[in-house]
Protein backbone atom coordinates (compact mmCIF):
# COMPACT_ATOMS: atom_id res chain seq x y z
CA MET A 1 102.87 100.01 168.51
CA TYR A 2 99.96 100.84 166.50
CA PHE A 3 97.69 98.38 165.79
CA CYS A 4 94.26 98.50 163.17
CA THR A 5 91.17 98.58 164.45
CA PRO A 6 88.28 96.31 162.37
CA LYS A 7 86.41 99.52 162.12
CA ILE A 8 89.89 101.26 160.39
CA LYS A 9 90.52 98.01 158.91
CA ARG A 10 87.08 98.29 157.10
CA LEU A 11 87.53 101.53 156.58
CA MET A 12 90.91 101.24 154.58
CA ARG A 13 89.42 98.41 152.78
CA ASN A 14 86.48 100.32 151.58
CA ARG A 15 88.63 103.72 150.75
CA ILE A 16 90.73 101.11 148.54
CA ILE A 17 87.67 99.69 146.62
CA LEU A 18 86.61 103.77 146.17
CA ALA A 19 89.76 104.56 144.64
CA VAL A 20 89.81 101.46 142.36
CA ILE A 21 86.55 101.74 140.77
CA MET A 22 87.19 105.54 140.37
CA LEU A 23 90.41 104.97 138.36
CA PHE A 24 88.56 102.51 136.80
CA GLY A 25 86.14 104.88 136.02
CA VAL A 26 88.40 107.35 134.66
CA ILE A 27 90.01 104.64 132.31
CA CYS A 28 86.52 103.93 130.87
CA ASN A 29 86.14 107.61 130.20
CA ILE A 30 89.38 108.62 128.18
CA GLY A 31 88.55 104.97 126.19
CA ALA A 32 85.51 106.80 125.42
CA GLN A 33 86.50 109.62 124.60
CA GLU A 34 89.32 107.85 122.38
CA SER A 35 86.69 106.04 120.56
CA ALA A 36 84.45 108.93 120.00
CA ASN A 37 87.07 110.84 118.73
CA SER A 38 88.25 107.88 116.54
CA ARG A 39 84.33 107.77 115.46
CA GLN A 40 84.26 111.33 114.70
CA ALA A 41 87.48 111.62 112.60
CA ARG A 42 86.45 108.28 110.35
CA ARG A 43 83.24 110.20 109.78
CA ILE A 44 84.13 113.50 108.81
CA PHE A 45 87.25 112.18 106.74
CA ASN A 46 84.39 109.85 105.06
CA ASN A 47 82.52 112.59 104.12
CA ALA A 48 85.56 114.39 102.32
CA TYR A 49 86.70 111.56 100.69
CA GLN A 50 83.08 111.17 99.49
CA GLN A 51 83.14 114.86 97.90
CA VAL A 52 86.04 114.18 95.92
CA PHE A 53 86.02 110.20 95.22
CA GLY A 54 82.08 110.03 94.90
CA GLU A 55 79.92 109.37 91.76
CA GLN A 56 79.32 113.05 91.58
CA GLY A 57 82.60 113.38 90.65
CA ALA A 58 84.77 116.59 91.91
CA THR A 59 88.10 118.55 90.17
CA LEU A 60 90.86 120.64 92.40
CA HIS A 61 93.97 122.09 91.55
CA TYR A 62 97.27 120.39 93.44
CA ASP A 63 100.46 121.35 94.29
CA VAL A 64 102.86 118.46 95.28
CA ASN A 65 105.80 118.58 96.50
CA ILE A 66 107.93 115.09 97.63
CA THR A 67 110.70 116.38 100.27
CA GLY A 68 112.38 118.35 97.22
CA ILE A 69 112.80 114.99 95.09
CA TYR A 70 109.80 115.47 92.81
CA LYS A 71 107.49 118.66 92.23
CA THR A 72 104.99 119.10 90.23
CA ARG A 73 101.27 121.29 89.86
CA GLY A 74 98.45 120.48 88.14
CA THR A 75 94.34 120.11 87.85
CA ILE A 76 92.75 116.81 88.02
CA TRP A 77 89.20 115.84 87.60
CA TYR A 78 87.46 112.60 89.28
CA LYS A 79 84.35 110.66 88.39
CA GLY A 80 83.73 107.32 89.41
CA LYS A 81 86.39 105.12 88.10
CA LYS A 82 86.92 108.13 85.18
CA SER A 83 89.64 111.16 85.90
CA LYS A 84 91.68 113.23 83.42
CA PHE A 85 94.46 115.40 84.87
CA ASP A 86 96.55 118.00 83.19
CA GLU A 87 99.95 119.34 84.33
CA ALA A 88 103.32 121.01 82.68
CA ARG A 89 104.85 117.49 81.73
CA MET A 90 101.59 116.30 80.61
CA THR A 91 97.77 115.34 80.09
CA SER A 92 95.95 111.72 81.09
CA TRP A 93 92.18 110.94 80.81
CA ASN A 94 91.28 107.63 82.43
CA ASP A 95 88.18 106.22 81.06
CA GLY A 96 88.00 103.26 83.48
CA THR A 97 88.92 100.44 81.13
CA THR A 98 92.01 102.86 79.36
CA VAL A 99 94.46 105.53 79.92
CA PHE A 100 95.33 107.83 77.25
CA THR A 101 98.94 110.01 78.19
CA PHE A 102 99.73 112.39 76.21
CA LYS A 103 103.43 113.34 76.98
CA LYS A 104 104.04 116.87 75.61
CA LYS A 105 108.20 116.89 75.37
CA LYS A 106 107.63 113.72 73.26
CA GLY A 107 104.98 114.75 71.27
CA GLU A 108 103.10 111.39 71.36
CA VAL A 109 100.58 109.79 73.32
CA GLU A 110 100.76 106.50 75.26
CA ILE A 111 98.13 104.38 75.73
CA HIS A 112 97.74 102.03 78.88
CA ASN A 113 95.17 99.17 80.79
CA ALA A 114 93.17 101.34 83.87
CA LYS A 115 94.46 98.27 85.65
CA ASN A 116 97.79 98.46 85.07
CA ASN A 117 98.92 101.96 84.36
CA LYS A 118 102.49 102.55 85.00
CA SER A 119 102.08 105.98 82.71
CA ASP A 120 103.07 107.44 85.58
CA LYS A 121 105.21 105.93 88.58
CA TYR A 122 104.51 108.19 91.33
CA SER A 123 100.51 107.70 91.16
CA GLN A 124 101.02 104.19 92.07
CA LYS A 125 102.81 105.27 95.43
CA PHE A 126 99.25 106.22 96.86
CA LYS A 127 97.05 103.59 96.84
CA PHE A 128 95.12 103.71 99.62
CA ASP A 129 92.13 101.56 101.42
CA PRO A 130 90.17 103.34 104.50
CA GLU A 131 89.97 100.12 106.35
CA ASN A 132 93.95 99.77 106.99
CA TYR A 133 93.77 103.00 108.68
CA THR A 134 93.27 103.74 112.41
CA TYR A 135 91.68 107.56 112.96
CA SER A 136 92.41 110.86 115.03
CA ILE A 137 90.71 114.01 114.84
CA ALA A 138 92.37 117.93 116.31
CA GLU A 139 91.26 121.07 115.42
CA ALA A 140 94.34 122.85 113.74
CA ASP A 141 95.14 127.07 112.72
CA LYS A 142 93.39 126.68 109.37
CA GLY A 143 90.46 123.72 110.25
CA LEU A 144 89.94 120.15 111.08
CA LEU A 145 93.22 118.07 110.88
CA VAL A 146 92.17 114.57 110.92
CA THR A 147 95.19 112.10 110.88
CA LEU A 148 95.24 108.28 109.66
CA LYS A 149 97.62 106.15 110.75
CA LEU A 150 98.74 102.26 108.87
CA ILE A 151 97.73 99.16 111.18
CA LYS A 152 99.99 96.88 111.78
CA GLY A 153 100.37 94.42 108.84
CA ARG A 154 98.33 96.46 106.37
CA LYS A 155 99.68 97.49 103.67
CA GLY A 156 99.60 101.07 101.99
CA MET A 157 100.79 104.63 103.30
CA LYS A 158 102.24 104.93 106.37
CA GLU A 159 100.44 107.93 108.01
CA ILE A 160 98.14 110.51 106.26
CA HIS A 161 97.39 114.18 107.74
CA ALA A 162 94.22 115.76 106.48
CA LEU A 163 93.45 119.21 106.35
CA LEU A 164 90.29 120.01 106.18
CA GLU A 165 88.27 123.20 106.13
CA HIS A 166 85.76 123.39 109.37
CA LYS A 167 82.26 123.70 108.04
CA THR A 168 82.41 121.95 104.51
CA TYR A 169 85.16 119.56 105.49
CA HIS A 170 86.43 120.40 101.52
CA PRO A 171 90.48 119.39 101.69
CA ILE A 172 93.10 122.40 102.10
CA SER A 173 96.00 120.18 102.09
CA VAL A 174 97.22 116.38 102.56
CA ARG A 175 100.37 115.12 104.34
CA ILE A 176 101.59 111.54 103.09
CA LYS A 177 103.88 109.40 104.72
CA ILE A 178 105.57 106.39 102.12
CA ALA A 179 108.47 104.69 103.98
CA PHE A 180 110.65 107.22 105.31
CA ILE A 181 109.59 110.19 102.92
CA TRP A 182 106.91 112.83 104.05
CA THR A 183 104.87 113.97 100.79
CA THR A 184 102.43 117.59 100.68
CA ILE A 185 100.05 118.75 98.49
CA LYS A 186 98.61 121.50 98.70
CA ILE A 187 94.96 121.69 97.43
CA SER A 188 93.02 124.87 96.10
CA ASP A 189 89.79 125.62 93.67
CA PHE A 190 88.44 122.49 94.82
CA GLN A 191 84.70 122.16 93.79
CA SER A 192 82.54 118.91 94.11
CA GLY A 193 80.07 118.04 91.51
CA SER A 194 79.08 118.97 87.77
CA ILE A 195 81.78 116.56 86.48
CA THR A 196 80.35 115.14 83.42
CA ASP A 197 81.83 112.19 81.32
CA GLU A 198 82.27 114.30 78.09
CA MET A 199 85.05 116.77 80.46
CA LEU A 200 86.86 113.31 80.95
CA ARG A 201 86.78 111.63 76.96
CA PHE A 202 89.80 111.77 75.12
CA PRO A 203 89.48 113.49 72.29
CA LYS A 204 91.15 111.62 69.93
CA GLU A 205 90.18 113.90 66.94
CA GLN A 206 92.66 116.35 68.60
CA PHE A 207 95.54 113.88 68.27
CA LYS A 208 94.97 112.52 64.58
CA ASN A 209 98.51 113.93 63.83
CA TYR A 210 100.53 112.35 66.78
CA LYS A 211 101.99 109.44 67.04
CA PHE A 212 100.31 106.73 69.76
CA VAL A 213 102.26 104.28 71.60
CA ASP A 214 100.08 101.32 72.86
CA LYS A 215 101.81 100.12 76.13
CA ARG A 216 98.73 97.83 77.36
C-alpha cells in the first residue's frame, strides 16, 4: 500500500495552489482583454458616430435593403437636429421643429411635427441610444467590424454590425437586426463637415404651387 509522506502532501498541496493561482491569472487576463476590446470598440464607434451625427454635420449616400421586403436608396444630410434626405419616392427637410416631406408621386407636401414624425414609418424603427448596448470589435476583410448587442431589458435594435474604414473610421456599411429581420445599409460618398443650415432649409418658394397637407 502506498502512503503519502508529509513532504509529498505539502508538495501536492503547493502544486494545486499554484495551479489555482495560474488559472485565476488566465481568467483575469481574459477578462481584461474583453474589457479592453469593449473599450476600444466603444471608442472607435463613438468616433464614427460623431463623424456622422456631430454638430459639424455630414452627408452620405445610402442603399437600404430590409431582407427584400423593402428597398430604397438616396442621399442624406445631417447637422445636429436638422436633416434632409432625397430619394426616388420623396424628399424631406427637418429643421428640428417641423418636417416638410414632398411626396413625389402624390405631388404634395406633408407637414409633420419633428418630435412625432410619421411621414416615414420605416425610419421610426431605427431609434438608437448608444448606452443600451455592449460593444466588441474585430478585424474584417474590408475594415473594422464593430458589433453592438442590445443589453437585456433595454429597448432598441437587437444587434448592430458597423463596418468602418481602418484609418478614418468612416462608415462602409451597417447591418441592423430588428426583431428577427435584418436590414443592410450600404454607405458611400461619405463626408463629414461643411454642412450649412441653408442646405437643410425647406425651399418653400419652390413649392408655392403645390398642395400642402398639415398633419401636425
